[in-house]
N, C-alpha and C. Protein backbone atom coordinates (compact mmCIF):
# COMPACT_ATOMS: atom_id res chain seq x y z
N MET A 1 0.82 -1.19 0.00
CA MET A 1 0.00 0.00 0.00
C MET A 1 0.86 1.26 0.00
N CYS A 2 1.97 1.26 0.73
CA CYS A 2 2.83 2.43 0.80
C CYS A 2 3.49 2.69 -0.55
N ALA A 3 3.85 1.60 -1.24
CA ALA A 3 4.45 1.77 -2.57
C ALA A 3 3.46 2.46 -3.50
N PHE A 4 2.20 2.09 -3.37
CA PHE A 4 1.18 2.73 -4.20
C PHE A 4 1.06 4.20 -3.85
N MET A 5 1.06 4.51 -2.54
CA MET A 5 0.94 5.90 -2.10
C MET A 5 2.15 6.70 -2.57
N LYS A 6 3.34 6.09 -2.48
CA LYS A 6 4.55 6.77 -2.93
C LYS A 6 4.46 7.02 -4.43
N TYR A 7 4.00 6.01 -5.16
CA TYR A 7 3.82 6.16 -6.61
C TYR A 7 2.80 7.25 -6.89
N ASP A 8 1.72 7.26 -6.09
CA ASP A 8 0.67 8.26 -6.29
C ASP A 8 1.22 9.67 -6.02
N ARG A 9 2.06 9.82 -4.99
CA ARG A 9 2.66 11.13 -4.69
C ARG A 9 3.56 11.57 -5.84
N ARG A 10 4.40 10.66 -6.30
CA ARG A 10 5.29 10.99 -7.43
C ARG A 10 4.46 11.36 -8.66
N ARG A 11 3.40 10.60 -8.90
CA ARG A 11 2.55 10.87 -10.05
C ARG A 11 1.92 12.25 -9.93
N SER A 12 1.46 12.62 -8.72
CA SER A 12 0.85 13.94 -8.55
C SER A 12 1.90 15.04 -8.74
N VAL A 13 3.14 14.81 -8.33
CA VAL A 13 4.20 15.79 -8.55
C VAL A 13 4.43 15.95 -10.05
N PHE A 14 4.49 14.84 -10.77
CA PHE A 14 4.69 14.92 -12.23
C PHE A 14 3.49 15.57 -12.91
N GLN A 15 2.27 15.28 -12.42
CA GLN A 15 1.08 15.91 -13.00
C GLN A 15 1.11 17.41 -12.76
N ALA A 16 1.52 17.81 -11.58
CA ALA A 16 1.60 19.24 -11.28
C ALA A 16 2.63 19.92 -12.19
N ALA A 17 3.76 19.26 -12.39
CA ALA A 17 4.79 19.81 -13.28
C ALA A 17 4.25 19.92 -14.71
N ALA A 18 3.53 18.90 -15.15
CA ALA A 18 2.95 18.93 -16.50
C ALA A 18 1.92 20.04 -16.61
N PHE A 19 1.12 20.22 -15.55
CA PHE A 19 0.11 21.28 -15.55
C PHE A 19 0.78 22.65 -15.66
N ILE A 20 1.84 22.86 -14.91
CA ILE A 20 2.56 24.14 -14.96
C ILE A 20 3.10 24.38 -16.36
N LYS A 21 3.68 23.35 -16.94
CA LYS A 21 4.22 23.50 -18.30
C LYS A 21 3.11 23.83 -19.28
N LYS A 22 1.95 23.18 -19.14
CA LYS A 22 0.80 23.44 -20.02
C LYS A 22 0.32 24.88 -19.84
N GLU A 23 0.22 25.35 -18.59
CA GLU A 23 -0.21 26.72 -18.33
C GLU A 23 0.76 27.72 -18.96
N GLN A 24 2.06 27.44 -18.86
CA GLN A 24 3.04 28.34 -19.46
C GLN A 24 2.87 28.38 -20.97
N GLU A 25 2.66 27.21 -21.59
CA GLU A 25 2.49 27.17 -23.04
C GLU A 25 1.23 27.91 -23.45
N MET A 26 0.13 27.71 -22.70
CA MET A 26 -1.12 28.40 -23.03
C MET A 26 -0.95 29.91 -22.89
N SER A 27 -0.25 30.33 -21.84
CA SER A 27 -0.01 31.75 -21.62
C SER A 27 0.80 32.31 -22.77
N PHE A 28 1.82 31.57 -23.20
CA PHE A 28 2.66 32.01 -24.30
C PHE A 28 1.86 32.11 -25.59
N CYS A 29 0.98 31.09 -25.85
CA CYS A 29 0.17 31.10 -27.07
C CYS A 29 -0.78 32.28 -27.09
N SER A 30 -1.49 32.54 -25.98
CA SER A 30 -2.43 33.66 -25.97
C SER A 30 -1.69 34.98 -26.09
N GLN A 31 -0.50 35.06 -25.50
CA GLN A 31 0.30 36.27 -25.60
C GLN A 31 0.75 36.45 -27.05
N LYS A 32 1.13 35.37 -27.71
CA LYS A 32 1.58 35.43 -29.10
C LYS A 32 0.43 35.85 -30.02
N GLU A 33 -0.79 35.30 -29.79
CA GLU A 33 -1.95 35.68 -30.59
C GLU A 33 -2.28 37.15 -30.39
N GLY A 34 -2.24 37.62 -29.17
CA GLY A 34 -2.50 39.03 -28.87
C GLY A 34 -1.51 39.94 -29.56
N ARG A 35 -0.22 39.55 -29.51
CA ARG A 35 0.79 40.33 -30.19
C ARG A 35 0.54 40.38 -31.69
N GLN A 36 0.17 39.22 -32.26
CA GLN A 36 -0.09 39.15 -33.70
C GLN A 36 -1.24 40.07 -34.09
N LYS A 37 -2.33 40.05 -33.32
CA LYS A 37 -3.47 40.92 -33.62
C LYS A 37 -3.06 42.38 -33.49
N TRP A 38 -2.28 42.68 -32.47
CA TRP A 38 -1.83 44.04 -32.27
C TRP A 38 -0.95 44.48 -33.44
N GLN A 39 -0.06 43.61 -33.90
CA GLN A 39 0.78 43.94 -35.04
C GLN A 39 -0.05 44.12 -36.30
N ASP A 40 -1.06 43.27 -36.49
CA ASP A 40 -1.94 43.41 -37.65
C ASP A 40 -2.63 44.76 -37.63
N CYS A 41 -3.14 45.15 -36.47
CA CYS A 41 -3.82 46.44 -36.35
C CYS A 41 -2.84 47.59 -36.62
N THR A 42 -1.64 47.48 -36.10
CA THR A 42 -0.64 48.52 -36.31
C THR A 42 -0.30 48.63 -37.79
N ILE A 43 -0.15 47.49 -38.45
CA ILE A 43 0.14 47.50 -39.89
C ILE A 43 -1.02 48.14 -40.65
N LEU A 44 -2.25 47.80 -40.27
CA LEU A 44 -3.43 48.38 -40.91
C LEU A 44 -3.46 49.89 -40.72
N LEU A 45 -3.19 50.34 -39.49
CA LEU A 45 -3.17 51.78 -39.23
C LEU A 45 -2.09 52.49 -40.04
N SER A 46 -0.90 51.89 -40.08
CA SER A 46 0.18 52.54 -40.83
C SER A 46 -0.11 52.55 -42.33
N SER A 47 -0.73 51.46 -42.84
CA SER A 47 -1.06 51.46 -44.27
C SER A 47 -2.13 52.50 -44.57
N CYS A 48 -3.10 52.67 -43.67
CA CYS A 48 -4.13 53.70 -43.87
C CYS A 48 -3.50 55.09 -43.83
N CYS A 49 -2.55 55.29 -42.93
CA CYS A 49 -1.86 56.58 -42.88
C CYS A 49 -1.10 56.85 -44.18
N GLU A 50 -0.43 55.80 -44.69
CA GLU A 50 0.29 55.96 -45.95
C GLU A 50 -0.67 56.30 -47.09
N ILE A 51 -1.81 55.62 -47.12
CA ILE A 51 -2.81 55.89 -48.16
C ILE A 51 -3.30 57.33 -48.04
N MET A 52 -3.56 57.76 -46.81
CA MET A 52 -4.02 59.14 -46.61
C MET A 52 -2.94 60.12 -47.07
N GLU A 53 -1.67 59.84 -46.75
CA GLU A 53 -0.60 60.74 -47.18
C GLU A 53 -0.50 60.79 -48.70
N ARG A 54 -0.61 59.61 -49.35
CA ARG A 54 -0.60 59.58 -50.81
C ARG A 54 -1.77 60.36 -51.37
N ASN A 55 -2.95 60.19 -50.77
CA ASN A 55 -4.13 60.91 -51.23
C ASN A 55 -3.99 62.41 -51.02
N ILE A 56 -3.34 62.81 -49.95
CA ILE A 56 -3.13 64.23 -49.71
C ILE A 56 -2.27 64.81 -50.83
N HIS A 57 -1.21 64.09 -51.22
CA HIS A 57 -0.38 64.54 -52.32
C HIS A 57 -1.19 64.59 -53.62
N ALA A 58 -2.07 63.62 -53.79
CA ALA A 58 -2.91 63.61 -54.98
C ALA A 58 -3.83 64.82 -55.00
N TYR A 59 -4.34 65.20 -53.86
CA TYR A 59 -5.22 66.36 -53.81
C TYR A 59 -4.45 67.64 -54.15
N ASP A 60 -3.19 67.68 -53.77
CA ASP A 60 -2.38 68.86 -54.05
C ASP A 60 -1.98 68.94 -55.52
N GLU A 61 -1.68 67.79 -56.13
CA GLU A 61 -1.05 67.79 -57.44
C GLU A 61 -1.96 67.34 -58.59
N ASP A 62 -2.92 66.47 -58.34
CA ASP A 62 -3.73 65.92 -59.42
C ASP A 62 -4.65 66.98 -60.01
N VAL A 63 -4.80 66.96 -61.33
CA VAL A 63 -5.59 67.95 -62.05
C VAL A 63 -7.07 67.88 -61.66
N LYS A 64 -7.57 66.66 -61.44
CA LYS A 64 -9.00 66.55 -61.13
C LYS A 64 -9.36 67.17 -59.78
N TRP A 65 -8.35 67.40 -58.92
CA TRP A 65 -8.61 68.03 -57.64
C TRP A 65 -8.25 69.52 -57.64
N GLN A 66 -7.86 70.05 -58.79
CA GLN A 66 -7.52 71.46 -58.89
C GLN A 66 -8.72 72.23 -59.43
N LEU A 67 -8.84 73.42 -59.00
CA LEU A 67 -9.91 74.27 -59.48
C LEU A 67 -9.52 74.78 -60.87
N ALA A 68 -10.35 74.49 -61.83
CA ALA A 68 -10.05 74.85 -63.23
C ALA A 68 -10.13 76.36 -63.43
N GLU A 69 -9.39 76.79 -64.40
CA GLU A 69 -9.43 78.21 -64.77
C GLU A 69 -10.77 78.50 -65.43
N PRO A 70 -11.36 79.62 -65.17
CA PRO A 70 -12.64 79.94 -65.80
C PRO A 70 -12.46 80.21 -67.30
N GLY A 71 -13.49 79.86 -68.02
CA GLY A 71 -13.46 80.13 -69.46
C GLY A 71 -13.53 81.64 -69.72
N ALA A 72 -13.25 82.03 -70.95
CA ALA A 72 -13.18 83.46 -71.30
C ALA A 72 -14.52 84.16 -71.11
N LEU A 73 -15.60 83.53 -71.45
CA LEU A 73 -16.90 84.18 -71.34
C LEU A 73 -17.77 83.58 -70.24
N MET A 74 -17.13 82.92 -69.24
CA MET A 74 -17.88 82.24 -68.17
C MET A 74 -18.18 83.22 -67.05
N SER A 75 -19.43 83.23 -66.61
CA SER A 75 -19.82 84.12 -65.50
C SER A 75 -19.39 83.49 -64.17
N ALA A 76 -19.38 84.27 -63.13
CA ALA A 76 -19.00 83.78 -61.79
C ALA A 76 -19.98 82.73 -61.31
N LYS A 77 -21.25 82.93 -61.58
CA LYS A 77 -22.26 81.96 -61.14
C LYS A 77 -22.09 80.64 -61.88
N ALA A 78 -21.86 80.68 -63.17
CA ALA A 78 -21.67 79.45 -63.96
C ALA A 78 -20.38 78.75 -63.50
N TYR A 79 -19.31 79.52 -63.25
CA TYR A 79 -18.05 78.94 -62.78
C TYR A 79 -18.27 78.24 -61.43
N ARG A 80 -18.98 78.91 -60.55
CA ARG A 80 -19.27 78.34 -59.23
C ARG A 80 -20.07 77.05 -59.37
N ASP A 81 -21.13 77.06 -60.18
CA ASP A 81 -22.00 75.88 -60.32
C ASP A 81 -21.33 74.73 -61.05
N LYS A 82 -20.54 75.02 -62.09
CA LYS A 82 -19.98 73.96 -62.93
C LYS A 82 -18.60 73.48 -62.47
N LYS A 83 -17.81 74.31 -61.84
CA LYS A 83 -16.44 73.95 -61.50
C LYS A 83 -16.21 73.87 -59.98
N ALA A 84 -16.54 74.91 -59.26
CA ALA A 84 -16.19 75.00 -57.84
C ALA A 84 -17.03 74.08 -56.97
N LEU A 85 -18.35 74.11 -57.11
CA LEU A 85 -19.19 73.28 -56.25
C LEU A 85 -18.96 71.78 -56.43
N PRO A 86 -18.83 71.25 -57.66
CA PRO A 86 -18.54 69.81 -57.78
C PRO A 86 -17.22 69.42 -57.11
N LEU A 87 -16.21 70.27 -57.23
CA LEU A 87 -14.93 69.98 -56.58
C LEU A 87 -15.08 70.02 -55.06
N VAL A 88 -15.80 71.00 -54.56
CA VAL A 88 -16.02 71.10 -53.12
C VAL A 88 -16.79 69.87 -52.62
N GLU A 89 -17.78 69.43 -53.38
CA GLU A 89 -18.55 68.25 -52.99
C GLU A 89 -17.67 67.00 -52.97
N LYS A 90 -16.81 66.85 -53.96
CA LYS A 90 -15.87 65.71 -53.98
C LYS A 90 -14.97 65.76 -52.74
N LEU A 91 -14.45 66.94 -52.45
CA LEU A 91 -13.57 67.08 -51.29
C LEU A 91 -14.31 66.79 -49.99
N LYS A 92 -15.54 67.23 -49.88
CA LYS A 92 -16.34 66.95 -48.68
C LYS A 92 -16.52 65.45 -48.51
N GLU A 93 -16.83 64.76 -49.60
CA GLU A 93 -17.03 63.30 -49.56
C GLU A 93 -15.75 62.58 -49.13
N VAL A 94 -14.63 63.00 -49.69
CA VAL A 94 -13.35 62.39 -49.33
C VAL A 94 -13.03 62.63 -47.86
N VAL A 95 -13.22 63.84 -47.39
CA VAL A 95 -12.95 64.16 -45.99
C VAL A 95 -13.87 63.36 -45.08
N LYS A 96 -15.13 63.26 -45.46
CA LYS A 96 -16.09 62.48 -44.66
C LYS A 96 -15.66 61.02 -44.58
N ASN A 97 -15.29 60.43 -45.71
CA ASN A 97 -14.86 59.02 -45.73
C ASN A 97 -13.59 58.81 -44.91
N LEU A 98 -12.64 59.73 -45.04
CA LEU A 98 -11.40 59.61 -44.26
C LEU A 98 -11.67 59.77 -42.76
N THR A 99 -12.57 60.65 -42.41
CA THR A 99 -12.92 60.84 -41.00
C THR A 99 -13.56 59.58 -40.44
N ILE A 100 -14.48 59.00 -41.20
CA ILE A 100 -15.14 57.76 -40.75
C ILE A 100 -14.11 56.65 -40.58
N LYS A 101 -13.22 56.51 -41.55
CA LYS A 101 -12.18 55.47 -41.48
C LYS A 101 -11.27 55.71 -40.27
N CYS A 102 -10.92 56.95 -40.04
CA CYS A 102 -10.06 57.29 -38.90
C CYS A 102 -10.75 56.94 -37.57
N VAL A 103 -12.01 57.26 -37.45
CA VAL A 103 -12.76 56.95 -36.22
C VAL A 103 -12.86 55.44 -36.03
N GLN A 104 -13.13 54.72 -37.11
CA GLN A 104 -13.21 53.26 -37.02
C GLN A 104 -11.89 52.67 -36.56
N LEU A 105 -10.80 53.13 -37.14
CA LEU A 105 -9.48 52.62 -36.76
C LEU A 105 -9.13 53.00 -35.32
N THR A 106 -9.54 54.16 -34.88
CA THR A 106 -9.29 54.56 -33.50
C THR A 106 -10.05 53.66 -32.54
N GLU A 107 -11.30 53.38 -32.87
CA GLU A 107 -12.10 52.47 -32.03
C GLU A 107 -11.49 51.07 -32.01
N GLN A 108 -11.08 50.61 -33.16
CA GLN A 108 -10.46 49.28 -33.23
C GLN A 108 -9.17 49.25 -32.42
N SER A 109 -8.41 50.32 -32.48
CA SER A 109 -7.18 50.41 -31.70
C SER A 109 -7.47 50.39 -30.20
N LYS A 110 -8.52 51.10 -29.77
CA LYS A 110 -8.89 51.10 -28.35
C LYS A 110 -9.31 49.71 -27.89
N LYS A 111 -10.09 49.03 -28.74
CA LYS A 111 -10.53 47.68 -28.38
C LYS A 111 -9.34 46.74 -28.25
N LEU A 112 -8.43 46.83 -29.21
CA LEU A 112 -7.26 45.94 -29.16
C LEU A 112 -6.36 46.28 -27.98
N THR A 113 -6.25 47.55 -27.65
CA THR A 113 -5.46 47.94 -26.49
C THR A 113 -6.07 47.37 -25.21
N ALA A 114 -7.39 47.46 -25.10
CA ALA A 114 -8.07 46.89 -23.93
C ALA A 114 -7.88 45.38 -23.88
N LYS A 115 -7.94 44.74 -25.04
CA LYS A 115 -7.76 43.29 -25.08
C LYS A 115 -6.34 42.91 -24.67
N VAL A 116 -5.36 43.67 -25.15
CA VAL A 116 -3.97 43.40 -24.78
C VAL A 116 -3.78 43.60 -23.28
N ASP A 117 -4.39 44.65 -22.72
CA ASP A 117 -4.29 44.87 -21.28
C ASP A 117 -4.89 43.70 -20.50
N GLY A 118 -6.04 43.22 -20.98
CA GLY A 118 -6.66 42.06 -20.33
C GLY A 118 -5.77 40.83 -20.41
N GLN A 119 -5.15 40.64 -21.56
CA GLN A 119 -4.26 39.49 -21.70
C GLN A 119 -3.02 39.64 -20.84
N GLN A 120 -2.52 40.87 -20.69
CA GLN A 120 -1.38 41.09 -19.80
C GLN A 120 -1.74 40.74 -18.36
N LYS A 121 -2.95 41.13 -17.95
CA LYS A 121 -3.39 40.78 -16.59
C LYS A 121 -3.51 39.27 -16.44
N GLN A 122 -4.06 38.62 -17.47
CA GLN A 122 -4.20 37.16 -17.42
C GLN A 122 -2.83 36.50 -17.38
N ILE A 123 -1.89 37.01 -18.15
CA ILE A 123 -0.53 36.47 -18.15
C ILE A 123 0.09 36.64 -16.77
N SER A 124 -0.12 37.80 -16.18
CA SER A 124 0.42 38.06 -14.84
C SER A 124 -0.18 37.09 -13.83
N ARG A 125 -1.50 36.90 -13.92
CA ARG A 125 -2.18 35.99 -12.99
C ARG A 125 -1.66 34.56 -13.18
N LEU A 126 -1.52 34.14 -14.44
CA LEU A 126 -1.04 32.78 -14.70
C LEU A 126 0.42 32.61 -14.27
N THR A 127 1.21 33.66 -14.44
CA THR A 127 2.61 33.60 -14.00
C THR A 127 2.67 33.42 -12.49
N ASP A 128 1.83 34.18 -11.78
CA ASP A 128 1.79 34.02 -10.32
C ASP A 128 1.37 32.60 -9.93
N LYS A 129 0.37 32.09 -10.65
CA LYS A 129 -0.11 30.73 -10.37
C LYS A 129 0.99 29.71 -10.64
N VAL A 130 1.73 29.89 -11.72
CA VAL A 130 2.83 28.98 -12.05
C VAL A 130 3.90 29.04 -10.97
N MET A 131 4.21 30.24 -10.49
CA MET A 131 5.22 30.37 -9.44
C MET A 131 4.77 29.67 -8.16
N GLU A 132 3.50 29.83 -7.81
CA GLU A 132 2.98 29.14 -6.62
C GLU A 132 3.07 27.63 -6.80
N GLN A 133 2.69 27.16 -7.97
CA GLN A 133 2.73 25.72 -8.22
C GLN A 133 4.16 25.21 -8.26
N SER A 134 5.07 26.04 -8.75
CA SER A 134 6.48 25.66 -8.75
C SER A 134 6.98 25.51 -7.32
N ASP A 135 6.60 26.44 -6.46
CA ASP A 135 6.97 26.33 -5.04
C ASP A 135 6.37 25.07 -4.42
N THR A 136 5.12 24.79 -4.76
CA THR A 136 4.46 23.58 -4.24
C THR A 136 5.19 22.34 -4.71
N ILE A 137 5.59 22.31 -5.95
CA ILE A 137 6.33 21.16 -6.49
C ILE A 137 7.65 20.99 -5.76
N GLU A 138 8.34 22.10 -5.52
CA GLU A 138 9.61 22.02 -4.79
C GLU A 138 9.40 21.44 -3.39
N ARG A 139 8.34 21.90 -2.72
CA ARG A 139 8.06 21.36 -1.38
C ARG A 139 7.71 19.88 -1.45
N LEU A 140 6.93 19.49 -2.45
CA LEU A 140 6.58 18.07 -2.60
C LEU A 140 7.81 17.22 -2.90
N GLN A 141 8.70 17.75 -3.72
CA GLN A 141 9.92 17.01 -4.01
C GLN A 141 10.79 16.88 -2.76
N GLU A 142 10.83 17.93 -1.94
CA GLU A 142 11.56 17.86 -0.67
C GLU A 142 10.96 16.78 0.22
N LYS A 143 9.62 16.77 0.29
CA LYS A 143 8.96 15.77 1.13
C LYS A 143 9.21 14.36 0.59
N ALA A 144 9.23 14.21 -0.72
CA ALA A 144 9.50 12.90 -1.31
C ALA A 144 10.93 12.46 -0.98
N SER A 145 11.88 13.40 -1.04
CA SER A 145 13.26 13.03 -0.69
C SER A 145 13.37 12.74 0.82
N ASP A 146 12.64 13.49 1.65
CA ASP A 146 12.62 13.21 3.10
C ASP A 146 12.05 11.82 3.37
N LEU A 147 10.98 11.49 2.63
CA LEU A 147 10.40 10.16 2.78
C LEU A 147 11.41 9.08 2.39
N GLY A 148 12.16 9.33 1.34
CA GLY A 148 13.20 8.38 0.93
C GLY A 148 14.27 8.23 2.00
N ARG A 149 14.65 9.35 2.63
CA ARG A 149 15.64 9.28 3.71
C ARG A 149 15.11 8.47 4.89
N LEU A 150 13.83 8.72 5.24
CA LEU A 150 13.23 7.96 6.34
C LEU A 150 13.20 6.47 6.01
N GLU A 151 12.86 6.15 4.77
CA GLU A 151 12.82 4.73 4.38
C GLU A 151 14.20 4.10 4.46
N ARG A 152 15.23 4.85 4.07
CA ARG A 152 16.59 4.30 4.16
C ARG A 152 17.02 4.13 5.62
N HIS A 153 16.63 5.05 6.49
CA HIS A 153 17.06 5.00 7.88
C HIS A 153 16.26 3.98 8.70
N PHE A 154 14.94 4.03 8.63
CA PHE A 154 14.11 3.14 9.44
C PHE A 154 13.72 1.86 8.72
N GLY A 155 13.84 1.84 7.43
CA GLY A 155 13.40 0.68 6.67
C GLY A 155 12.03 0.96 6.06
N ARG A 156 11.85 0.43 4.88
CA ARG A 156 10.61 0.70 4.14
C ARG A 156 9.38 0.19 4.88
N GLU A 157 9.49 -1.00 5.48
CA GLU A 157 8.34 -1.59 6.16
C GLU A 157 7.92 -0.75 7.37
N GLN A 158 8.90 -0.28 8.13
CA GLN A 158 8.61 0.53 9.31
C GLN A 158 7.93 1.84 8.91
N VAL A 159 8.42 2.47 7.87
CA VAL A 159 7.82 3.73 7.39
C VAL A 159 6.42 3.46 6.88
N GLN A 160 6.25 2.34 6.17
CA GLN A 160 4.92 1.98 5.67
C GLN A 160 3.94 1.80 6.83
N LEU A 161 4.40 1.11 7.86
CA LEU A 161 3.56 0.89 9.02
C LEU A 161 3.16 2.21 9.69
N ILE A 162 4.11 3.12 9.82
CA ILE A 162 3.83 4.43 10.42
C ILE A 162 2.81 5.20 9.57
N VAL A 163 3.00 5.18 8.25
CA VAL A 163 2.09 5.90 7.35
C VAL A 163 0.69 5.29 7.41
N GLU A 164 0.61 3.97 7.45
CA GLU A 164 -0.70 3.31 7.52
C GLU A 164 -1.40 3.63 8.83
N ARG A 165 -0.66 3.63 9.93
CA ARG A 165 -1.25 3.99 11.23
C ARG A 165 -1.75 5.43 11.22
N SER A 166 -0.93 6.31 10.67
CA SER A 166 -1.30 7.72 10.61
C SER A 166 -2.57 7.90 9.77
N ASN A 167 -2.64 7.20 8.65
CA ASN A 167 -3.84 7.28 7.80
C ASN A 167 -5.06 6.73 8.53
N ALA A 168 -4.87 5.63 9.26
CA ALA A 168 -5.98 5.05 10.01
C ALA A 168 -6.47 6.02 11.09
N LEU A 169 -5.53 6.69 11.79
CA LEU A 169 -5.91 7.67 12.80
C LEU A 169 -6.68 8.85 12.17
N GLU A 170 -6.19 9.33 11.04
CA GLU A 170 -6.86 10.44 10.36
C GLU A 170 -8.27 10.04 9.92
N GLN A 171 -8.42 8.83 9.40
CA GLN A 171 -9.74 8.36 8.98
C GLN A 171 -10.67 8.21 10.18
N ALA A 172 -10.14 7.73 11.29
CA ALA A 172 -10.95 7.59 12.49
C ALA A 172 -11.40 8.96 13.01
N GLU A 173 -10.49 9.95 12.96
CA GLU A 173 -10.86 11.31 13.38
C GLU A 173 -11.94 11.88 12.48
N ARG A 174 -11.82 11.67 11.17
CA ARG A 174 -12.84 12.16 10.24
C ARG A 174 -14.18 11.49 10.50
N ALA A 175 -14.15 10.19 10.73
CA ALA A 175 -15.40 9.47 11.00
C ALA A 175 -16.01 9.96 12.30
N ASN A 176 -15.19 10.22 13.30
CA ASN A 176 -15.66 10.72 14.58
C ASN A 176 -16.30 12.10 14.41
N LYS A 177 -15.67 12.98 13.59
CA LYS A 177 -16.24 14.31 13.34
C LYS A 177 -17.56 14.19 12.61
N ARG A 178 -17.64 13.27 11.65
CA ARG A 178 -18.89 13.08 10.90
C ARG A 178 -20.01 12.61 11.83
N SER A 179 -19.67 11.67 12.69
CA SER A 179 -20.70 11.17 13.60
C SER A 179 -21.13 12.26 14.59
N LYS A 180 -20.22 13.10 15.04
CA LYS A 180 -20.57 14.21 15.93
C LYS A 180 -21.50 15.18 15.21
N ARG A 181 -21.16 15.50 13.94
CA ARG A 181 -22.02 16.41 13.17
C ARG A 181 -23.39 15.81 12.97
N ALA A 182 -23.45 14.53 12.64
CA ALA A 182 -24.73 13.88 12.43
C ALA A 182 -25.53 13.87 13.73
N PHE A 183 -24.86 13.64 14.85
CA PHE A 183 -25.54 13.63 16.13
C PHE A 183 -26.07 15.03 16.48
N GLU A 184 -25.23 16.06 16.23
CA GLU A 184 -25.64 17.43 16.54
C GLU A 184 -26.77 17.88 15.65
N MET A 185 -26.77 17.46 14.40
CA MET A 185 -27.83 17.84 13.48
C MET A 185 -29.15 17.14 13.81
N SER A 186 -29.04 15.95 14.36
CA SER A 186 -30.27 15.20 14.67
C SER A 186 -30.95 15.71 15.93
N ARG A 187 -30.29 16.48 16.76
CA ARG A 187 -30.89 17.00 17.99
C ARG A 187 -31.96 17.96 17.72
């Protein structure tokens, strides 16, 4: 029975170590995915900025965005209606679209920033949990080595007998507490 318990203790130590390793890998994967999304958003923002800069140059230099010279016999009202107002309307539409795109990207950036902050908190929490479990594993390994020392000094059978007696006493105490609770509840 003691060999089984010793095996069970070692198995639980190995399971705890495997759990810690799995938690670290999961933390790394979620951190990597968050970074990738953040990089994608940053690339999208920078590409939109580049497009806006190119478009700004186009507005400065392209003929279709320049106000045409009035014809020789064109009145101010005709020039305004045929040349100036259509250009102003085009510019208004472009500014409106760029503003909408900018607001959308800003909102997306805020959402991703909040998500990254949440993942950082989760990473911190998981790191703390891993550290606690690492300490627990170290203590369990110490206890396993202490048990090995006791077995070498007193003999495996003697240690087994002590452990079995201790387990029997603990079970008897638990049974006694259960019966006391049942008795108290029945009153």
